[in-house]
Amino acid sequence: MNVPRLLDLCVRRVIYYIFADTLPPTSCQLNPDLSNRLFEEYCNHFDAKVTRKMMKDVCSILNVTKMDFSYGGLKRKELIILQNMNLVSLVLGSLTHLGPNKTGNLITCQLKLRLLSSSTGTDLWALFQNRRLEKTGNSKVTLIHLHEPIKLDAMLKYCLNKTTLQQLRHLDLSSTNIKYLDGWVESISKILPSLISFSVSGRQLSPLEFRAICTYFPNLRSLDISETGLTSLEGISNLTNIEILAIGGLRDLTSSGMIEIFELKKIRNFCTHTPVQKVSSLQKVLPELRSIDLSGTFVEIHLLKSLLKTHPTIEQIGMLTSTPWDHLPPAFNDVQILSCQNLTSSIQSLKHYSSLKDYSSVCCVLIRAGRQMDEQLDTENNITIRKWFHTICESIEKFPVSGTVHKLALKCLQQISRQKRINTLSLAERHELVSILFVLCDVYVDYKTCKFEAEKIEGVWDIFKNKNFLSTTHLNIRRVYENALEYCLIEKARPLQ
């Protein structure tokens, strides 16, 4: 039977004591590595009720240096932890959970309107530029959240202590879902002197904001400006220390608009998603380039050869959904190709993009691999299928509360475990599958009222209802049936066999 690592067991037990409010008093404070691992586990319980005492317990024993709120969003209770830890890395999630209290009305203001019988939701919708509309039952009361632009430097000063502000090296603002007041780049540059890694992926950046990033953060080594709507990268040549650069999704970026990139001689990892002919047409070279991602582009063989000829340092090329190649090799001129041509290549790609927490690429691999498995799974050997199983489980752990990743991963697990295919997995692997499925059940606690969450639970029970799976030696049948019975009580729930 597959037994979890002792460290994982200990971490889960400590978190259990914290949430049960039974943590024994201790003067011990854990080192950063253990603290970061415990905080990751804490974040997996984003929906649990948290008291101020629990927060103080966490602060007393942990020395957290890395925090990621991209999934659950930053809530008021977590501010206690945030303000008491000396961080070097911070990934902010949605800031709308904080509410107006204690933030100087910087985050959100709320307006309640009673709709007149002659007014429509569309009429009121047109009155506001940035708002979220929520209707309560059948009543005619509508709650509209006006997400006003915030003063970002003031918010960071409020949330972070002085040590964190001085030593923070990585900041990710991709998921904050809120606008900032003009001049925010210059303002935060004055309070974050040690920042060397910055991500604003998915946020709309103006040319003025981008030039400000290049001017006020000259020491950056990593920058992610994917899907930001920029049409020119004028000014990026100021970032002479850049080693990792992501510009995927800048569809209107012209060759002339990206020419300054080639003045950055230290780039090792370049995620461009730009047609290779644009890169080649500039007749420029990145002398230290090791990895380039051309996913989603049209790549002709002669252009690929030309790129490798001018960049002999390249060791890896990402080519997910690249055309017109129907059968990409796992390597080309001794360069690793990350693709989804078969299950073996999908395993390599999923491991790579999961390790980078590249959400869109992980989803792409799972979608394409799922389609292939519908047709080719019966022809795959057992060793490859088992490797695929472990890689899927790892991706679920990397994205603990990502509904889309879980939905796609569940589809792949359903394919592996359907009927007698479950026998491909060893006894230990089937027990590991049980643990993964129950972890997913714990994530989607609102499945009774949320259709989106109910889909995930249906996927879980689609696997559990397999009689070949239920006959697994020492399977915790009682727990399976108890959860199944609860699910069956839901109105409109799909019957279980």
Protein backbone atom coordinates (compact mmCIF):
# COMPACT_ATOMS: atom_id res chain seq x y z
CA MET A 1 0.00 0.00 0.00
CA ASN A 2 1.25 3.47 -0.90
CA VAL A 3 2.01 5.37 2.32
CA PRO A 4 2.30 9.19 2.12
CA ARG A 5 5.62 10.75 3.02
CA LEU A 6 6.13 11.28 6.74
CA LEU A 7 6.53 15.03 6.14
CA ASP A 8 3.13 15.21 4.39
CA LEU A 9 1.47 13.27 7.21
CA CYS A 10 2.98 15.57 9.81
CA VAL A 11 1.99 18.69 7.87
CA ARG A 12 -1.64 17.56 7.56
CA ARG A 13 -1.80 16.70 11.26
CA VAL A 14 -0.46 20.11 12.32
CA ILE A 15 -2.98 21.87 10.06
CA TYR A 16 -5.71 19.64 11.49
CA TYR A 17 -4.78 20.75 15.03
CA ILE A 18 -4.81 24.40 13.95
CA PHE A 19 -8.30 24.21 12.43
CA ALA A 20 -9.57 22.12 15.33
CA ASP A 21 -8.18 24.80 17.65
CA THR A 22 -6.28 22.12 19.60
CA LEU A 23 -2.68 23.01 18.74
CA PRO A 24 -0.54 22.43 21.86
CA PRO A 25 1.31 25.50 23.19
CA THR A 26 4.90 25.65 21.94
CA SER A 27 7.78 28.11 21.85
CA CYS A 28 9.23 26.44 18.76
CA GLN A 29 9.28 28.28 15.43
CA LEU A 30 9.76 26.26 12.24
CA ASN A 31 12.30 27.02 9.52
CA PRO A 32 11.15 28.71 6.25
CA ASP A 33 10.99 25.50 4.17
CA LEU A 34 8.69 23.72 6.63
CA SER A 35 6.72 26.90 7.24
CA ASN A 36 6.09 27.42 3.53
CA ARG A 37 4.93 23.82 3.16
CA LEU A 38 2.54 24.20 6.10
CA PHE A 39 1.15 27.43 4.71
CA GLU A 40 0.50 25.74 1.34
CA GLU A 41 -1.53 23.11 3.18
CA TYR A 42 -3.33 25.82 5.12
CA CYS A 43 -4.34 27.49 1.84
CA ASN A 44 -5.84 24.21 0.61
CA HIS A 45 -8.48 24.71 3.34
CA PHE A 46 -9.47 28.10 1.97
CA ASP A 47 -13.15 27.56 2.80
CA ALA A 48 -12.65 26.59 6.45
CA LYS A 49 -13.78 28.85 9.27
CA VAL A 50 -10.82 30.71 10.72
CA THR A 51 -10.64 32.50 14.05
CA ARG A 52 -8.24 35.16 15.22
CA LYS A 53 -6.73 32.65 17.68
CA MET A 54 -5.94 30.28 14.80
CA MET A 55 -4.19 33.11 13.00
CA LYS A 56 -2.10 33.86 16.09
CA ASP A 57 -1.18 30.17 16.38
CA VAL A 58 -0.02 30.18 12.77
CA CYS A 59 2.03 33.33 13.32
CA SER A 60 3.66 31.97 16.48
CA ILE A 61 5.02 28.75 14.95
CA LEU A 62 5.58 29.62 11.28
CA ASN A 63 8.27 31.60 9.54
CA VAL A 64 6.66 31.85 6.11
CA THR A 65 8.67 33.48 3.32
CA LYS A 66 6.45 32.63 0.31
CA MET A 67 2.70 33.19 0.04
CA ASP A 68 0.37 32.41 -2.86
CA PHE A 69 -3.21 33.72 -2.67
CA SER A 70 -3.95 33.32 -6.38
CA TYR A 71 -6.69 30.73 -5.81
CA GLY A 72 -8.67 31.69 -2.75
CA GLY A 73 -7.99 35.42 -2.72
CA LEU A 74 -6.74 37.46 0.22
CA LYS A 75 -9.27 37.68 3.05
CA ARG A 76 -9.24 39.90 6.11
CA LYS A 77 -8.22 37.09 8.49
CA GLU A 78 -5.14 36.26 6.36
CA LEU A 79 -3.97 39.83 6.77
CA ILE A 80 -2.84 38.90 10.29
CA ILE A 81 -0.46 36.32 8.84
CA LEU A 82 0.61 38.57 5.98
CA GLN A 83 1.49 41.43 8.30
CA ASN A 84 3.52 39.20 10.65
CA MET A 85 5.67 37.33 8.12
CA ASN A 86 8.87 38.47 6.44
CA LEU A 87 8.26 37.50 2.82
CA VAL A 88 10.49 37.23 -0.23
CA SER A 89 7.70 36.10 -2.59
CA LEU A 90 4.06 37.18 -2.78
CA VAL A 91 1.35 36.15 -5.24
CA LEU A 92 -1.77 38.21 -4.62
CA GLY A 93 -5.19 36.84 -5.50
CA SER A 94 -8.44 38.75 -5.73
CA LEU A 95 -8.49 41.78 -3.45
CA THR A 96 -12.27 42.14 -3.53
CA HIS A 97 -12.62 39.83 -0.51
CA LEU A 98 -11.06 42.41 1.79
CA GLY A 99 -14.02 44.75 1.64
CA PRO A 100 -13.89 48.44 2.51
CA ASN A 101 -13.27 47.92 6.22
CA LYS A 102 -9.77 48.91 7.41
CA THR A 103 -8.53 49.72 3.92
CA GLY A 104 -9.57 53.35 3.82
CA ASN A 105 -12.31 52.53 1.31
CA LEU A 106 -9.57 51.72 -1.21
CA ILE A 107 -10.89 48.34 -2.22
CA THR A 108 -14.64 48.21 -2.70
CA CYS A 109 -17.69 50.31 -2.17
CA GLN A 110 -21.16 48.83 -2.25
CA LEU A 111 -24.38 50.41 -3.39
CA LYS A 112 -27.85 48.93 -2.80
CA LEU A 113 -30.48 49.90 -5.29
CA ARG A 114 -34.16 49.10 -5.18
CA LEU A 115 -35.23 48.54 -8.74
CA LEU A 116 -38.33 50.31 -9.94
CA SER A 117 -40.84 48.23 -11.83
CA SER A 118 -40.11 50.31 -14.90
CA SER A 119 -36.33 49.81 -14.67
CA THR A 120 -34.42 46.87 -16.08
CA GLY A 121 -31.15 45.36 -15.00
CA THR A 122 -29.71 46.39 -18.37
CA ASP A 123 -30.59 50.03 -17.76
CA LEU A 124 -28.74 50.08 -14.46
CA TRP A 125 -25.90 48.01 -15.87
CA ALA A 126 -25.18 50.78 -18.35
CA LEU A 127 -24.70 53.29 -15.54
CA PHE A 128 -21.57 51.66 -14.16
CA GLN A 129 -18.30 50.77 -15.82
CA ASN A 130 -16.75 48.33 -13.32
CA ARG A 131 -19.25 46.44 -11.25
CA ARG A 132 -20.53 42.97 -10.39
CA LEU A 133 -24.29 42.47 -10.39
CA GLU A 134 -25.85 40.13 -7.85
CA LYS A 135 -29.56 39.44 -7.49
CA THR A 136 -30.97 38.09 -4.25
CA GLY A 137 -33.59 35.40 -4.89
CA ASN A 138 -36.70 36.76 -6.57
CA SER A 139 -36.49 40.11 -4.85
CA LYS A 140 -35.97 43.33 -6.74
CA VAL A 141 -32.97 44.32 -4.66
CA THR A 142 -29.75 44.32 -6.60
CA LEU A 143 -26.30 44.61 -5.06
CA ILE A 144 -23.77 46.33 -7.24
CA HIS A 145 -20.11 46.33 -6.26
CA LEU A 146 -18.21 49.31 -7.56
CA HIS A 147 -14.57 48.28 -7.74
CA GLU A 148 -12.90 51.66 -7.56
CA PRO A 149 -9.21 51.96 -8.53
CA ILE A 150 -7.00 51.50 -5.49
CA LYS A 151 -3.82 53.18 -4.39
CA LEU A 152 -1.61 50.12 -4.74
CA ASP A 153 1.36 51.37 -2.73
CA ALA A 154 -0.94 52.26 0.21
CA MET A 155 -2.53 48.81 0.08
CA LEU A 156 0.90 47.10 0.10
CA LYS A 157 2.08 49.26 2.99
CA TYR A 158 -1.01 48.27 4.94
CA CYS A 159 -0.70 44.53 4.20
CA LEU A 160 3.08 44.07 4.48
CA ASN A 161 5.51 44.86 7.26
CA LYS A 162 8.64 46.98 6.74
CA THR A 163 10.98 43.98 6.48
CA THR A 164 8.88 42.42 3.73
CA LEU A 165 8.74 45.70 1.81
CA GLN A 166 12.52 45.94 1.94
CA GLN A 167 13.32 42.35 0.97
CA LEU A 168 10.43 41.25 -1.32
CA ARG A 169 11.94 39.76 -4.49
CA HIS A 170 8.90 38.40 -6.35
CA LEU A 171 5.48 40.03 -6.77
CA ASP A 172 2.58 38.67 -8.86
CA LEU A 173 -0.39 40.97 -9.46
CA SER A 174 -2.00 38.86 -12.20
CA SER A 175 -5.10 37.84 -10.23
CA THR A 176 -5.97 40.93 -8.19
CA ASN A 177 -9.00 41.70 -10.43
CA ILE A 178 -9.01 45.38 -9.63
CA LYS A 179 -7.72 48.61 -11.16
CA TYR A 180 -4.96 50.79 -9.71
CA LEU A 181 -4.70 54.56 -9.60
CA ASP A 182 -2.44 56.19 -12.21
CA GLY A 183 1.24 56.20 -11.32
CA TRP A 184 1.06 52.87 -9.46
CA VAL A 185 4.28 51.51 -11.00
CA GLU A 186 6.44 54.41 -9.83
CA SER A 187 4.75 54.38 -6.42
CA ILE A 188 5.45 50.71 -5.67
CA SER A 189 9.01 50.95 -7.02
CA LYS A 190 9.79 53.35 -4.17
CA ILE A 191 8.70 50.87 -1.49
CA LEU A 192 9.98 47.60 -3.09
CA PRO A 193 13.72 48.19 -3.64
CA SER A 194 14.66 44.48 -3.86
CA LEU A 195 12.10 43.36 -6.46
CA ILE A 196 13.68 41.23 -9.23
CA SER A 197 10.67 39.17 -10.41
CA PHE A 198 7.38 40.72 -11.50
CA SER A 199 4.20 39.36 -13.11
CA VAL A 200 1.22 41.32 -14.42
CA SER A 201 0.00 38.58 -16.77
CA GLY A 202 -3.59 39.03 -17.92
CA ARG A 203 -3.85 42.67 -16.82
CA GLN A 204 -4.33 45.34 -19.47
CA LEU A 205 -1.22 47.52 -19.52
CA SER A 206 -0.97 50.87 -21.22
CA PRO A 207 2.27 51.75 -23.08
CA LEU A 208 2.89 54.35 -20.36
CA GLU A 209 2.61 51.72 -17.59
CA PHE A 210 4.90 49.33 -19.44
CA ARG A 211 7.57 51.99 -19.98
CA ALA A 212 7.28 52.81 -16.27
CA ILE A 213 8.00 49.16 -15.38
CA CYS A 214 11.10 49.26 -17.60
CA THR A 215 12.21 52.57 -16.07
CA TYR A 216 11.55 52.04 -12.37
CA PHE A 217 12.48 48.33 -12.08
CA PRO A 218 15.81 48.14 -13.97
CA ASN A 219 17.04 45.19 -11.86
CA LEU A 220 14.28 42.76 -12.90
CA ARG A 221 15.46 39.26 -13.83
CA SER A 222 12.02 37.80 -14.54
CA LEU A 223 9.03 39.54 -16.17
CA ASP A 224 5.66 38.14 -17.26
CA ILE A 225 3.59 40.50 -19.41
CA SER A 226 1.54 37.80 -21.18
CA GLU A 227 -1.99 38.74 -22.33
CA THR A 228 -1.54 42.40 -21.40
CA GLY A 229 -2.65 43.86 -24.75
CA LEU A 230 0.65 45.59 -25.52
CA THR A 231 1.45 46.27 -29.18
CA SER A 232 5.03 47.44 -28.65
CA LEU A 233 7.77 46.63 -26.16
CA GLU A 234 9.52 49.96 -26.51
CA GLY A 235 11.68 50.55 -23.46
CA ILE A 236 12.31 46.89 -22.58
CA SER A 237 15.98 47.29 -23.48
CA ASN A 238 16.39 49.05 -20.12
CA LEU A 239 15.93 45.67 -18.39
CA THR A 240 19.47 44.46 -19.08
CA ASN A 241 19.35 41.80 -16.33
CA ILE A 242 16.27 39.95 -17.63
CA GLU A 243 16.76 36.17 -17.77
CA ILE A 244 13.13 34.97 -17.97
CA LEU A 245 10.66 36.79 -20.21
CA ALA A 246 7.04 35.83 -21.03
CA ILE A 247 5.14 37.77 -23.71
CA GLY A 248 2.58 35.15 -24.79
CA GLY A 249 -0.77 36.34 -26.09
CA LEU A 250 0.45 39.72 -27.43
CA ARG A 251 -1.27 39.07 -30.75
CA ASP A 252 -0.84 42.58 -32.13
CA LEU A 253 2.88 42.74 -31.40
CA THR A 254 4.80 43.48 -34.59
CA SER A 255 8.38 42.56 -35.48
CA SER A 256 9.45 46.17 -35.04
CA GLY A 257 7.65 46.28 -31.72
CA MET A 258 9.75 43.46 -30.29
CA ILE A 259 13.16 44.31 -31.73
CA GLU A 260 14.44 45.72 -28.42
CA ILE A 261 14.14 42.23 -26.87
CA PHE A 262 17.30 41.24 -28.71
CA GLU A 263 19.28 43.82 -26.77
CA LEU A 264 18.66 41.69 -23.64
CA LYS A 265 21.67 39.40 -23.85
CA LYS A 266 20.98 37.45 -20.63
CA ILE A 267 17.60 35.91 -21.61
CA ARG A 268 17.59 32.14 -20.94
CA ASN A 269 13.88 31.36 -20.99
CA PHE A 270 11.66 33.07 -23.57
CA CYS A 271 7.91 32.32 -23.71
CA THR A 272 6.79 34.14 -26.83
CA HIS A 273 3.92 32.26 -28.54
CA THR A 274 4.98 34.46 -31.48
CA PRO A 275 5.32 33.01 -35.03
CA VAL A 276 8.91 31.95 -35.50
CA GLN A 277 9.14 33.89 -38.77
CA LYS A 278 8.71 37.11 -36.75
CA VAL A 279 11.65 36.14 -34.57
CA SER A 280 13.79 34.99 -37.51
CA SER A 281 12.98 38.04 -39.67
CA LEU A 282 14.75 40.32 -37.20
CA GLN A 283 18.05 38.50 -37.83
CA LYS A 284 19.01 39.03 -34.22
CA VAL A 285 20.38 36.57 -31.65
CA LEU A 286 19.82 35.92 -27.95
CA PRO A 287 23.22 34.40 -27.04
CA GLU A 288 22.17 32.73 -23.76
CA LEU A 289 18.77 31.36 -24.88
CA ARG A 290 18.10 27.86 -23.47
CA SER A 291 14.31 27.50 -23.76
CA ILE A 292 11.74 29.05 -26.10
CA ASP A 293 7.98 28.43 -26.21
CA LEU A 294 6.38 28.69 -29.66
CA SER A 295 3.09 27.04 -28.69
CA GLY A 296 0.05 27.92 -30.78
CA THR A 297 2.08 29.17 -33.74
CA PHE A 298 2.73 28.04 -37.31
CA VAL A 299 6.20 26.47 -37.39
CA GLU A 300 7.67 25.31 -40.70
CA ILE A 301 10.59 22.91 -40.62
CA HIS A 302 13.02 25.22 -42.44
CA LEU A 303 12.24 28.08 -40.03
CA LEU A 304 12.81 25.81 -37.04
CA LYS A 305 16.15 24.72 -38.49
CA SER A 306 17.07 28.36 -39.06
CA LEU A 307 16.20 29.25 -35.46
CA LEU A 308 18.36 26.41 -34.12
CA LYS A 309 21.19 27.41 -36.41
CA THR A 310 21.24 30.99 -35.14
CA HIS A 311 20.61 29.88 -31.53
CA PRO A 312 22.72 26.73 -30.96
CA THR A 313 22.30 27.17 -27.19
CA ILE A 314 18.59 26.17 -27.30
CA GLU A 315 17.89 22.96 -25.36
CA GLN A 316 14.08 22.96 -25.25
CA ILE A 317 11.22 24.17 -27.47
CA GLY A 318 7.57 24.29 -26.43
CA MET A 319 5.28 23.48 -29.37
CA LEU A 320 1.84 22.73 -27.92
CA THR A 321 -0.79 23.04 -30.70
CA SER A 322 1.88 24.15 -33.16
CA THR A 323 1.06 23.54 -36.81
CA PRO A 324 1.46 22.13 -39.46
CA TRP A 325 3.29 19.23 -37.79
CA ASP A 326 1.08 16.21 -37.20
CA HIS A 327 3.85 14.08 -35.75
CA LEU A 328 6.41 16.02 -33.76
CA PRO A 329 9.43 14.03 -32.61
CA PRO A 330 10.34 14.02 -28.90
CA ALA A 331 13.61 15.68 -29.93
CA PHE A 332 14.82 17.59 -32.96
CA ASN A 333 18.55 18.07 -33.53
CA ASP A 334 19.06 16.99 -29.90
CA VAL A 335 16.64 19.68 -28.72
CA GLN A 336 13.75 18.52 -26.50
CA ILE A 337 10.31 19.19 -28.02
CA LEU A 338 7.42 19.76 -25.61
CA SER A 339 4.27 18.68 -27.42
CA CYS A 340 1.14 16.53 -27.13
CA GLN A 341 1.79 14.17 -30.02
CA ASN A 342 1.37 11.07 -27.87
CA LEU A 343 0.95 10.09 -24.24
CA THR A 344 4.70 9.97 -23.60
CA SER A 345 5.23 13.51 -24.89
CA SER A 346 2.14 14.71 -22.97
CA ILE A 347 3.65 13.34 -19.75
CA GLN A 348 6.84 15.37 -20.30
CA SER A 349 4.87 18.49 -21.21
CA LEU A 350 2.46 18.24 -18.28
CA LYS A 351 5.35 17.80 -15.82
CA HIS A 352 7.15 20.80 -17.26
CA TYR A 353 4.21 23.21 -17.34
CA SER A 354 2.87 22.04 -13.95
CA SER A 355 6.25 22.79 -12.38
CA LEU A 356 6.01 26.33 -13.81
CA LYS A 357 2.35 26.57 -12.68
CA ASP A 358 1.52 27.57 -16.27
CA TYR A 359 -2.26 27.28 -16.04
CA SER A 360 -3.18 27.72 -19.70
CA SER A 361 -0.52 25.28 -20.96
CA VAL A 362 -1.52 22.65 -18.36
CA CYS A 363 -5.15 22.90 -19.52
CA CYS A 364 -4.03 22.61 -23.14
CA VAL A 365 -2.04 19.42 -22.44
CA LEU A 366 -4.92 17.82 -20.51
CA ILE A 367 -7.43 18.64 -23.27
CA ARG A 368 -5.30 17.28 -26.10
CA ALA A 369 -4.17 14.23 -24.15
CA GLY A 370 -7.79 13.48 -23.22
CA ARG A 371 -8.80 13.47 -26.88
CA GLN A 372 -5.93 11.16 -27.79
CA MET A 373 -6.77 8.76 -24.96
CA ASP A 374 -10.34 8.41 -26.23
CA GLU A 375 -8.89 6.83 -29.36
CA GLN A 376 -5.55 5.34 -28.38
CA LEU A 377 -5.57 4.37 -24.69
CA ASP A 378 -6.10 0.66 -25.38
CA THR A 379 -2.92 0.63 -27.46
CA GLU A 380 -0.72 2.25 -24.79
CA ASN A 381 1.50 0.07 -22.61
CA ASN A 382 0.81 -0.18 -18.88
CA ILE A 383 4.02 1.54 -17.80
CA THR A 384 3.17 4.66 -19.81
CA ILE A 385 -0.40 4.72 -18.49
CA ARG A 386 0.84 4.50 -14.90
CA LYS A 387 3.33 7.34 -15.51
CA TRP A 388 0.46 9.38 -16.94
CA PHE A 389 -1.60 8.65 -13.82
CA HIS A 390 1.14 9.92 -11.49
CA THR A 391 1.67 13.04 -13.62
CA ILE A 392 -2.06 13.86 -13.49
CA CYS A 393 -2.04 13.50 -9.69
CA GLU A 394 0.96 15.83 -9.48
CA SER A 395 -0.84 18.44 -11.61
CA ILE A 396 -3.86 18.32 -9.26
CA GLU A 397 -1.54 18.95 -6.32
CA LYS A 398 0.08 21.89 -8.13
CA PHE A 399 -3.35 23.44 -8.74
CA PRO A 400 -5.21 22.57 -5.51
CA VAL A 401 -8.35 24.65 -6.15
CA SER A 402 -8.41 25.17 -9.91
CA GLY A 403 -11.82 23.99 -11.13
CA THR A 404 -10.88 23.79 -14.82
CA VAL A 405 -7.68 21.81 -14.19
CA HIS A 406 -9.60 19.44 -11.90
CA LYS A 407 -12.38 18.94 -14.45
CA LEU A 408 -9.92 18.08 -17.22
CA ALA A 409 -7.77 15.92 -14.92
CA LEU A 410 -10.87 14.01 -13.75
CA LYS A 411 -11.78 13.22 -17.35
CA CYS A 412 -8.33 11.69 -17.86
CA LEU A 413 -8.60 9.73 -14.60
CA GLN A 414 -12.02 8.46 -15.71
CA GLN A 415 -10.46 7.15 -18.91
CA ILE A 416 -7.71 5.33 -17.02
CA SER A 417 -10.04 3.76 -14.44
CA ARG A 418 -13.01 2.80 -16.63
CA GLN A 419 -14.20 -0.79 -16.04
CA LYS A 420 -11.29 -3.27 -16.13
CA ARG A 421 -8.77 -0.61 -17.11
CA ILE A 422 -8.48 0.13 -13.39
CA ASN A 423 -6.50 -3.10 -13.08
CA THR A 424 -3.67 -1.38 -14.95
CA LEU A 425 -2.95 0.53 -11.74
CA SER A 426 -1.18 -1.24 -8.92
CA LEU A 427 -2.83 -1.74 -5.54
CA ALA A 428 -0.87 1.19 -4.11
CA GLU A 429 -1.81 3.43 -7.05
CA ARG A 430 -5.51 2.63 -6.62
CA HIS A 431 -5.28 3.66 -2.97
CA GLU A 432 -3.53 6.85 -4.08
CA LEU A 433 -6.43 7.45 -6.50
CA VAL A 434 -8.87 7.15 -3.58
CA SER A 435 -6.92 9.82 -1.67
CA ILE A 436 -6.89 12.16 -4.68
CA LEU A 437 -10.64 11.74 -5.24
CA PHE A 438 -11.45 12.49 -1.61
CA VAL A 439 -9.20 15.56 -1.74
CA LEU A 440 -11.33 16.80 -4.64
CA CYS A 441 -14.50 16.09 -2.66
CA ASP A 442 -13.15 18.26 0.15
CA VAL A 443 -12.50 21.13 -2.28
CA TYR A 444 -16.01 21.24 -3.73
CA VAL A 445 -18.07 21.60 -0.57
CA ASP A 446 -20.77 23.73 -2.25
CA TYR A 447 -21.66 21.13 -4.86
CA LYS A 448 -25.26 21.00 -3.59
CA THR A 449 -25.96 24.52 -4.82
CA CYS A 450 -23.26 25.10 -7.45
CA LYS A 451 -23.66 23.36 -10.81
CA PHE A 452 -20.00 23.92 -11.67
CA GLU A 453 -18.86 22.16 -8.48
CA ALA A 454 -21.46 19.41 -8.92
CA GLU A 455 -19.79 18.47 -12.23
CA LYS A 456 -16.56 17.66 -10.39
CA ILE A 457 -18.37 15.53 -7.80
CA GLU A 458 -20.14 13.65 -10.60
CA GLY A 459 -16.73 12.93 -12.11
CA VAL A 460 -15.49 11.58 -8.78
CA TRP A 461 -18.45 9.23 -8.36
CA ASP A 462 -18.25 8.11 -11.95
CA ILE A 463 -14.89 6.58 -10.98
CA PHE A 464 -16.04 5.25 -7.63
CA LYS A 465 -19.03 3.36 -9.05
CA ASN A 466 -16.72 1.01 -11.00
CA LYS A 467 -17.22 -2.44 -9.43
CA ASN A 468 -13.68 -3.45 -10.37
CA PHE A 469 -12.40 -0.46 -8.42
CA LEU A 470 -14.64 -1.15 -5.41
CA SER A 471 -13.25 -4.66 -5.16
CA THR A 472 -9.76 -3.32 -4.45
CA THR A 473 -8.22 -4.97 -1.38
CA HIS A 474 -8.48 -2.93 1.85
CA LEU A 475 -10.35 -0.11 0.13
CA ASN A 476 -12.20 2.10 2.63
CA ILE A 477 -15.60 1.00 1.32
CA ARG A 478 -17.51 2.48 4.26
CA ARG A 479 -16.23 6.00 3.59
CA VAL A 480 -16.96 5.62 -0.13
CA TYR A 481 -20.56 4.59 0.53
CA GLU A 482 -21.16 7.26 3.17
CA ASN A 483 -20.12 9.97 0.73
CA ALA A 484 -22.08 8.35 -2.09
CA LEU A 485 -25.26 8.28 -0.01
CA GLU A 486 -24.87 11.96 0.84
CA TYR A 487 -24.48 12.74 -2.85
CA CYS A 488 -27.58 10.70 -3.74
CA LEU A 489 -29.70 12.87 -1.44
CA ILE A 490 -29.12 15.90 -3.65
CA GLU A 491 -32.11 16.84 -5.77
CA LYS A 492 -31.52 16.05 -9.46
CA ALA A 493 -28.34 14.14 -8.62
CA ARG A 494 -27.41 11.50 -11.13
CA PRO A 495 -28.27 8.04 -9.65
CA LEU A 496 -25.33 5.85 -8.67
CA GLN A 497 -25.27 2.18 -9.56
